[in-house]
PDB file of N, CA and C in Angstrom:
ATOM      1  N   MET A   1      23.750 -14.957  36.011  1.00  0.00           N
ATOM      2  CA  MET A   1      22.382 -14.797  35.184  1.00  0.00           C
ATOM      3  C   MET A   1      22.283 -16.088  33.876  1.00  0.00           C
ATOM      4  N   ASN A   2      20.957 -16.226  34.256  1.00  0.00           N
ATOM      5  CA  ASN A   2      20.859 -17.330  32.996  1.00  0.00           C
ATOM      6  C   ASN A   2      20.266 -16.465  31.694  1.00  0.00           C
ATOM      7  N   GLU A   3      19.782 -17.480  31.042  1.00  0.00           N
ATOM      8  CA  GLU A   3      19.422 -16.703  29.448  1.00  0.00           C
ATOM      9  C   GLU A   3      17.924 -16.623  29.922  1.00  0.00           C
ATOM     10  N   LYS A   4      17.385 -16.958  30.592  1.00  0.00           N
ATOM     11  CA  LYS A   4      15.579 -16.631  30.566  1.00  0.00           C
ATOM     12  C   LYS A   4      15.468 -15.236  31.345  1.00  0.00           C
ATOM     13  N   GLU A   5      16.192 -15.340  32.063  1.00  0.00           N
ATOM     14  CA  GLU A   5      16.923 -13.639  32.786  1.00  0.00           C
ATOM     15  C   GLU A   5      17.501 -12.527  31.971  1.00  0.00           C
ATOM     16  N   ALA A   6      18.605 -13.195  31.486  1.00  0.00           N
ATOM     17  CA  ALA A   6      19.060 -12.197  30.303  1.00  0.00           C
ATOM     18  C   ALA A   6      17.995 -11.508  29.464  1.00  0.00           C
ATOM     19  N   GLU A   7      17.319 -12.640  29.209  1.00  0.00           N
ATOM     20  CA  GLU A   7      15.911 -12.223  28.350  1.00  0.00           C
ATOM     21  C   GLU A   7      14.964 -11.461  28.562  1.00  0.00           C
ATOM     22  N   TRP A   8      14.393 -11.503  29.915  1.00  0.00           N
ATOM     23  CA  TRP A   8      13.649 -10.336  30.319  1.00  0.00           C
ATOM     24  C   TRP A   8      14.270  -9.041  31.144  1.00  0.00           C
ATOM     25  N   GLU A   9      15.496  -9.466  31.173  1.00  0.00           N
ATOM     26  CA  GLU A   9      16.078  -7.872  31.490  1.00  0.00           C
ATOM     27  C   GLU A   9      16.393  -6.942  30.294  1.00  0.00           C
ATOM     28  N   VAL A  10      16.523  -7.773  29.178  1.00  0.00           N
ATOM     29  CA  VAL A  10      16.646  -7.144  27.889  1.00  0.00           C
ATOM     30  C   VAL A  10      15.605  -6.569  27.788  1.00  0.00           C
ATOM     31  N   MET A  11      14.416  -7.501  27.778  1.00  0.00           N
ATOM     32  CA  MET A  11      12.972  -6.814  27.434  1.00  0.00           C
ATOM     33  C   MET A  11      12.473  -5.831  28.455  1.00  0.00           C
ATOM     34  N   GLU A  12      12.723  -5.712  29.453  1.00  0.00           N
ATOM     35  CA  GLU A  12      12.625  -4.474  30.515  1.00  0.00           C
ATOM     36  C   GLU A  12      13.212  -3.364  29.964  1.00  0.00           C
ATOM     37  N   ARG A  13      14.586  -3.553  29.297  1.00  0.00           N
ATOM     38  CA  ARG A  13      15.407  -2.108  28.839  1.00  0.00           C
ATOM     39  C   ARG A  13      14.888  -1.864  28.050  1.00  0.00           C
ATOM     40  N   PHE A  14      14.855  -2.376  26.708  1.00  0.00           N
ATOM     41  CA  PHE A  14      14.314  -2.374  25.489  1.00  0.00           C
ATOM     42  C   PHE A  14      12.739  -2.075  24.944  1.00  0.00           C
ATOM     43  N   GLY A  15      11.709  -3.164  25.549  1.00  0.00           N
ATOM     44  CA  GLY A  15      10.582  -3.189  25.456  1.00  0.00           C
ATOM     45  C   GLY A  15      10.574  -4.530  24.191  1.00  0.00           C
ATOM     46  N   SER A  16       9.758  -5.414  23.788  1.00  0.00           N
ATOM     47  CA  SER A  16       9.314  -6.390  23.059  1.00  0.00           C
ATOM     48  C   SER A  16       9.418  -6.471  22.200  1.00  0.00           C
ATOM     49  N   GLU A  17       9.632  -7.507  20.915  1.00  0.00           N
ATOM     50  CA  GLU A  17      10.106  -7.551  20.129  1.00  0.00           C
ATOM     51  C   GLU A  17       9.255  -6.998  18.948  1.00  0.00           C
ATOM     52  N   ARG A  18       8.239  -6.850  19.152  1.00  0.00           N
ATOM     53  CA  ARG A  18       7.236  -6.211  18.176  1.00  0.00           C
ATOM     54  C   ARG A  18       7.292  -4.531  18.386  1.00  0.00           C
ATOM     55  N   GLU A  19       7.326  -4.339  19.622  1.00  0.00           N
ATOM     56  CA  GLU A  19       7.794  -2.599  19.784  1.00  0.00           C
ATOM     57  C   GLU A  19       9.050  -2.559  19.068  1.00  0.00           C
ATOM     58  N   ILE A  20      10.285  -2.985  19.269  1.00  0.00           N
ATOM     59  CA  ILE A  20      11.334  -3.166  18.555  1.00  0.00           C
ATOM     60  C   ILE A  20      11.375  -2.933  17.475  1.00  0.00           C
ATOM     61  N   GLY A  21      10.656  -4.044  16.979  1.00  0.00           N
ATOM     62  CA  GLY A  21      10.562  -3.821  15.414  1.00  0.00           C
ATOM     63  C   GLY A  21       9.361  -2.793  14.944  1.00  0.00           C
ATOM     64  N   CYS A  22       9.022  -2.445  15.226  1.00  0.00           N
ATOM     65  CA  CYS A  22       7.783  -1.333  14.756  1.00  0.00           C
ATOM     66  C   CYS A  22       8.770   0.042  14.733  1.00  0.00           C
ATOM     67  N   GLN A  23       9.561   0.231  15.737  1.00  0.00           N
ATOM     68  CA  GLN A  23      10.820   1.110  15.587  1.00  0.00           C
ATOM     69  C   GLN A  23      11.536   1.244  14.269  1.00  0.00           C
ATOM     70  N   LEU A  24      12.067  -0.025  14.446  1.00  0.00           N
ATOM     71  CA  LEU A  24      13.537  -0.187  13.014  1.00  0.00           C
ATOM     72  C   LEU A  24      12.756   0.338  11.916  1.00  0.00           C
ATOM     73  N   GLN A  25      11.288  -0.315  11.834  1.00  0.00           N
ATOM     74  CA  GLN A  25      10.781  -0.479  10.442  1.00  0.00           C
ATOM     75  C   GLN A  25      10.421   1.101  10.387  1.00  0.00           C
ATOM     76  N   GLN A  26      10.005   2.110  11.157  1.00  0.00           N
ATOM     77  CA  GLN A  26      10.052   3.303  11.062  1.00  0.00           C
ATOM     78  C   GLN A  26      10.900   4.009  10.879  1.00  0.00           C
ATOM     79  N   SER A  27      12.182   3.811  11.496  1.00  0.00           N
ATOM     80  CA  SER A  27      13.137   4.220  11.178  1.00  0.00           C
ATOM     81  C   SER A  27      14.104   3.809  10.081  1.00  0.00           C
ATOM     82  N   ILE A  28      13.504   2.778   9.140  1.00  0.00           N
ATOM     83  CA  ILE A  28      14.411   2.445   8.106  1.00  0.00           C
ATOM     84  C   ILE A  28      13.520   3.160   7.195  1.00  0.00           C
ATOM     85  N   PHE A  29      11.811   3.003   7.152  1.00  0.00           N
ATOM     86  CA  PHE A  29      11.216   3.979   6.379  1.00  0.00           C
ATOM     87  C   PHE A  29      10.283   4.546   6.795  1.00  0.00           C
ATOM     88  N   PRO A  30      10.507   5.768   6.819  1.00  0.00           N
ATOM     89  CA  PRO A  30       9.756   6.770   7.951  1.00  0.00           C
ATOM     90  C   PRO A  30       8.242   7.205   7.085  1.00  0.00           C
ATOM     91  N   TYR A  31       8.279   6.772   6.217  1.00  0.00           N
ATOM     92  CA  TYR A  31       7.337   7.975   5.124  1.00  0.00           C
ATOM     93  C   TYR A  31       6.280   6.777   4.518  1.00  0.00           C
ATOM     94  N   ARG A  32       6.374   5.086   4.952  1.00  0.00           N
ATOM     95  CA  ARG A  32       6.040   4.217   3.921  1.00  0.00           C
ATOM     96  C   ARG A  32       4.680   3.910   3.955  1.00  0.00           C
ATOM     97  N   LYS A  33       3.989   4.632   4.714  1.00  0.00           N
ATOM     98  CA  LYS A  33       2.665   4.340   4.424  1.00  0.00           C
ATOM     99  C   LYS A  33       1.828   5.080   3.646  1.00  0.00           C
ATOM    100  N   GLU A  34       2.946   6.688   3.799  1.00  0.00           N
ATOM    101  CA  GLU A  34       2.285   7.451   3.022  1.00  0.00           C
ATOM    102  C   GLU A  34       2.640   7.600   1.502  1.00  0.00           C
ATOM    103  N   LEU A  35       3.666   6.832   1.245  1.00  0.00           N
ATOM    104  CA  LEU A  35       3.864   6.868   0.254  1.00  0.00           C
ATOM    105  C   LEU A  35       3.255   5.397  -0.509  1.00  0.00           C
ATOM    106  N   MET A  36       2.683   4.220   0.114  1.00  0.00           N
ATOM    107  CA  MET A  36       1.668   3.213  -0.267  1.00  0.00           C
ATOM    108  C   MET A  36       0.394   4.062  -0.807  1.00  0.00           C
ATOM    109  N   LEU A  37       0.163   4.851  -0.133  1.00  0.00           N
ATOM    110  CA  LEU A  37      -1.211   5.609  -0.072  1.00  0.00           C
ATOM    111  C   LEU A  37      -1.498   6.580  -1.467  1.00  0.00           C
ATOM    112  N   THR A  38      -0.244   7.272  -2.027  1.00  0.00           N
ATOM    113  CA  THR A  38      -0.084   8.304  -2.654  1.00  0.00           C
ATOM    114  C   THR A  38       0.231   7.345  -3.906  1.00  0.00           C
ATOM    115  N   LEU A  39       0.728   6.513  -3.549  1.00  0.00           N
ATOM    116  CA  LEU A  39       0.986   5.278  -5.405  1.00  0.00           C
ATOM    117  C   LEU A  39      -0.414   4.498  -5.395  1.00  0.00           C
ATOM    118  N   SER A  40      -0.966   4.217  -4.804  1.00  0.00           N
ATOM    119  CA  SER A  40      -2.052   3.748  -4.983  1.00  0.00           C
ATOM    120  C   SER A  40      -3.383   4.917  -5.119  1.00  0.00           C
ATOM    121  N   VAL A  41      -3.447   5.842  -4.910  1.00  0.00           N
ATOM    122  CA  VAL A  41      -4.529   7.030  -5.201  1.00  0.00           C
ATOM    123  C   VAL A  41      -3.690   7.430  -6.426  1.00  0.00           C
ATOM    124  N   ALA A  42      -2.720   7.398  -7.035  1.00  0.00           N
ATOM    125  CA  ALA A  42      -2.324   8.062  -8.114  1.00  0.00           C
ATOM    126  C   ALA A  42      -2.820   6.928  -9.352  1.00  0.00           C
ATOM    127  N   SER A  43      -2.327   5.614  -8.586  1.00  0.00           N
ATOM    128  CA  SER A  43      -2.705   4.785  -9.506  1.00  0.00           C
ATOM    129  C   SER A  43      -4.082   4.062 -10.505  1.00  0.00           C
ATOM    130  N   PHE A  44      -5.240   4.564  -9.359  1.00  0.00           N
ATOM    131  CA  PHE A  44      -6.437   4.484  -9.694  1.00  0.00           C
ATOM    132  C   PHE A  44      -6.665   5.704 -10.504  1.00  0.00           C
ATOM    133  N   PHE A  45      -6.524   7.017 -10.287  1.00  0.00           N
ATOM    134  CA  PHE A  45      -6.770   8.027 -10.942  1.00  0.00           C
ATOM    135  C   PHE A  45      -6.059   7.892 -12.276  1.00  0.00           C
ATOM    136  N   LEU A  46      -4.903   7.052 -12.605  1.00  0.00           N
ATOM    137  CA  LEU A  46      -4.214   6.985 -13.861  1.00  0.00           C
ATOM    138  C   LEU A  46      -5.331   6.210 -14.291  1.00  0.00           C
ATOM    139  N   SER A  47      -5.893   4.746 -13.928  1.00  0.00           N
ATOM    140  CA  SER A  47      -6.740   4.319 -14.389  1.00  0.00           C
ATOM    141  C   SER A  47      -7.903   4.469 -15.464  1.00  0.00           C
ATOM    142  N   VAL A  48      -8.479   5.666 -14.254  1.00  0.00           N
ATOM    143  CA  VAL A  48      -9.596   5.903 -14.265  1.00  0.00           C
ATOM    144  C   VAL A  48      -9.433   7.072 -15.820  1.00  0.00           C
ATOM    145  N   CYS A  49      -8.196   7.787 -15.851  1.00  0.00           N
ATOM    146  CA  CYS A  49      -8.083   8.385 -16.932  1.00  0.00           C
ATOM    147  C   CYS A  49      -8.270   7.993 -17.939  1.00  0.00           C
ATOM    148  N   THR A  50      -7.316   7.063 -18.119  1.00  0.00           N
ATOM    149  CA  THR A  50      -6.639   6.210 -18.938  1.00  0.00           C
ATOM    150  C   THR A  50      -8.167   5.648 -19.649  1.00  0.00           C
ATOM    151  N   CYS A  51      -8.939   4.889 -18.868  1.00  0.00           N
ATOM    152  CA  CYS A  51     -10.046   4.485 -19.462  1.00  0.00           C
ATOM    153  C   CYS A  51     -11.194   5.967 -20.190  1.00  0.00           C
ATOM    154  N   PHE A  52     -11.180   7.299 -19.409  1.00  0.00           N
ATOM    155  CA  PHE A  52     -11.896   7.828 -20.021  1.00  0.00           C
ATOM    156  C   PHE A  52     -11.252   8.190 -21.265  1.00  0.00           C
ATOM    157  N   CYS A  53     -10.274   8.250 -21.646  1.00  0.00           N
ATOM    158  CA  CYS A  53      -8.904   8.970 -22.416  1.00  0.00           C
ATOM    159  C   CYS A  53      -9.545   8.040 -23.699  1.00  0.00           C
ATOM    160  N   CYS A  54      -9.478   6.879 -23.542  1.00  0.00           N
ATOM    161  CA  CYS A  54      -9.656   5.460 -24.626  1.00  0.00           C
ATOM    162  C   CYS A  54     -10.829   5.550 -24.992  1.00  0.00           C
ATOM    163  N   LEU A  55     -12.198   5.969 -24.488  1.00  0.00           N
ATOM    164  CA  LEU A  55     -13.425   6.288 -24.590  1.00  0.00           C
ATOM    165  C   LEU A  55     -13.763   7.147 -25.298  1.00  0.00           C
ATOM    166  N   LEU A  56     -13.228   8.003 -25.255  1.00  0.00           N
ATOM    167  CA  LEU A  56     -13.135   9.047 -25.498  1.00  0.00           C
ATOM    168  C   LEU A  56     -12.930   9.567 -26.767  1.00  0.00           C
ATOM    169  N   ARG A  57     -11.713   9.200 -27.074  1.00  0.00           N
ATOM    170  CA  ARG A  57     -10.790   8.667 -28.321  1.00  0.00           C
ATOM    171  C   ARG A  57     -11.459   8.159 -29.479  1.00  0.00           C
ATOM    172  N   ARG A  58     -12.468   7.168 -29.351  1.00  0.00           N
ATOM    173  CA  ARG A  58     -13.041   6.476 -29.700  1.00  0.00           C
ATOM    174  C   ARG A  58     -14.279   6.783 -30.317  1.00  0.00           C
ATOM    175  N   LYS A  59     -14.379   7.894 -29.169  1.00  0.00           N
ATOM    176  CA  LYS A  59     -16.323   8.779 -29.967  1.00  0.00           C
ATOM    177  C   LYS A  59     -17.209   8.348 -29.819  1.00  0.00           C
ATOM    178  N   TYR A  60     -17.007   7.016 -28.266  1.00  0.00           N
ATOM    179  CA  TYR A  60     -18.422   6.821 -28.308  1.00  0.00           C
ATOM    180  C   TYR A  60     -18.042   6.182 -26.187  1.00  0.00           C
ATOM    181  N   MET A  61     -19.550   6.574 -25.403  1.00  0.00           N
ATOM    182  CA  MET A  61     -18.981   6.111 -24.245  1.00  0.00           C
ATOM    183  C   MET A  61     -20.278   5.284 -23.679  1.00  0.00           C
ATOM    184  N   LEU A  62     -19.800   3.912 -23.628  1.00  0.00           N
ATOM    185  CA  LEU A  62     -20.383   2.881 -23.314  1.00  0.00           C
ATOM    186  C   LEU A  62     -20.294   2.712 -21.781  1.00  0.00           C
ATOM    187  N   ALA A  63     -21.343   3.057 -20.926  1.00  0.00           N
ATOM    188  CA  ALA A  63     -21.156   2.809 -19.795  1.00  0.00           C
ATOM    189  C   ALA A  63     -20.793   1.456 -19.285  1.00  0.00           C
ATOM    190  N   GLY A  64     -20.882   0.533 -20.068  1.00  0.00           N
ATOM    191  CA  GLY A  64     -20.596  -1.388 -19.944  1.00  0.00           C
ATOM    192  C   GLY A  64     -19.171  -1.300 -19.904  1.00  0.00           C
ATOM    193  N   SER A  65     -18.706  -0.491 -21.012  1.00  0.00           N
ATOM    194  CA  SER A  65     -16.974  -0.762 -21.239  1.00  0.00           C
ATOM    195  C   SER A  65     -16.500   0.083 -20.195  1.00  0.00           C
ATOM    196  N   PHE A  66     -16.644   1.223 -19.958  1.00  0.00           N
ATOM    197  CA  PHE A  66     -16.386   2.131 -18.809  1.00  0.00           C
ATOM    198  C   PHE A  66     -16.191   0.919 -17.230  1.00  0.00           C
ATOM    199  N   TYR A  67     -17.012   0.486 -16.870  1.00  0.00           N
ATOM    200  CA  TYR A  67     -17.199   0.031 -16.015  1.00  0.00           C
ATOM    201  C   TYR A  67     -15.922  -1.397 -16.083  1.00  0.00           C
ATOM    202  N   LEU A  68     -15.931  -1.737 -17.199  1.00  0.00           N
ATOM    203  CA  LEU A  68     -15.799  -3.379 -17.243  1.00  0.00           C
ATOM    204  C   LEU A  68     -14.154  -2.915 -17.303  1.00  0.00           C
ATOM    205  N   CYS A  69     -13.615  -1.837 -17.733  1.00  0.00           N
ATOM    206  CA  CYS A  69     -12.055  -1.736 -18.261  1.00  0.00           C
ATOM    207  C   CYS A  69     -11.696  -1.087 -16.667  1.00  0.00           C
ATOM    208  N   LEU A  70     -12.831  -0.326 -15.937  1.00  0.00           N
ATOM    209  CA  LEU A  70     -12.111   0.146 -14.283  1.00  0.00           C
ATOM    210  C   LEU A  70     -12.281  -1.059 -13.737  1.00  0.00           C
ATOM    211  N   PHE A  71     -13.026  -2.345 -13.958  1.00  0.00           N
ATOM    212  CA  PHE A  71     -13.101  -3.290 -12.985  1.00  0.00           C
ATOM    213  C   PHE A  71     -11.688  -3.995 -13.358  1.00  0.00           C
ATOM    214  N   ILE A  72     -11.355  -4.182 -14.324  1.00  0.00           N
ATOM    215  CA  ILE A  72     -10.344  -4.989 -14.860  1.00  0.00           C
ATOM    216  C   ILE A  72      -8.749  -4.475 -14.340  1.00  0.00           C
ATOM    217  N   HIS A  73      -8.956  -3.159 -14.455  1.00  0.00           N
ATOM    218  CA  HIS A  73      -7.848  -2.452 -13.967  1.00  0.00           C
ATOM    219  C   HIS A  73      -7.810  -2.510 -12.309  1.00  0.00           C
ATOM    220  N   CYS A  74      -8.705  -2.001 -11.816  1.00  0.00           N
ATOM    221  CA  CYS A  74      -9.060  -2.627 -10.198  1.00  0.00           C
ATOM    222  C   CYS A  74      -8.824  -3.712  -9.436  1.00  0.00           C
ATOM    223  N   SER A  75      -8.500  -4.953 -10.648  1.00  0.00           N
ATOM    224  CA  SER A  75      -8.488  -6.612  -9.820  1.00  0.00           C
ATOM    225  C   SER A  75      -7.034  -6.574 -10.381  1.00  0.00           C
ATOM    226  N   LEU A  76      -6.648  -5.639 -11.278  1.00  0.00           N
ATOM    227  CA  LEU A  76      -4.756  -6.259 -11.632  1.00  0.00           C
ATOM    228  C   LEU A  76      -4.386  -5.190 -10.623  1.00  0.00           C
ATOM    229  N   LEU A  77      -4.728  -4.129 -10.052  1.00  0.00           N
ATOM    230  CA  LEU A  77      -4.179  -3.237  -9.240  1.00  0.00           C
ATOM    231  C   LEU A  77      -4.303  -3.954  -7.613  1.00  0.00           C
ATOM    232  N   SER A  78      -5.207  -4.926  -7.325  1.00  0.00           N
ATOM    233  CA  SER A  78      -5.459  -5.495  -6.311  1.00  0.00           C
ATOM    234  C   SER A  78      -4.769  -6.444  -6.192  1.00  0.00           C
ATOM    235  N   LEU A  79      -3.732  -7.127  -7.413  1.00  0.00           N
ATOM    236  CA  LEU A  79      -3.197  -8.159  -7.110  1.00  0.00           C
ATOM    237  C   LEU A  79      -1.767  -7.615  -6.702  1.00  0.00           C
TER     238      LEU A  79
END
């Protein structure tokens, strides 16, 4: 059996490289997608609450300041 035949035999038995890679990734990090989604949503809410607290502490609520603060924080999160 040459190298090409051996490669085809392995692919028939175990599946493609992509399928094996996805299965390995899922077995090592089973809740990766859920964790990343939870962290991103929690970070967004934390940034919004921080902006509100800063603005309310100063006893003025300027919409422009809030949206500027929110835009800057969301821009930093997307990096």
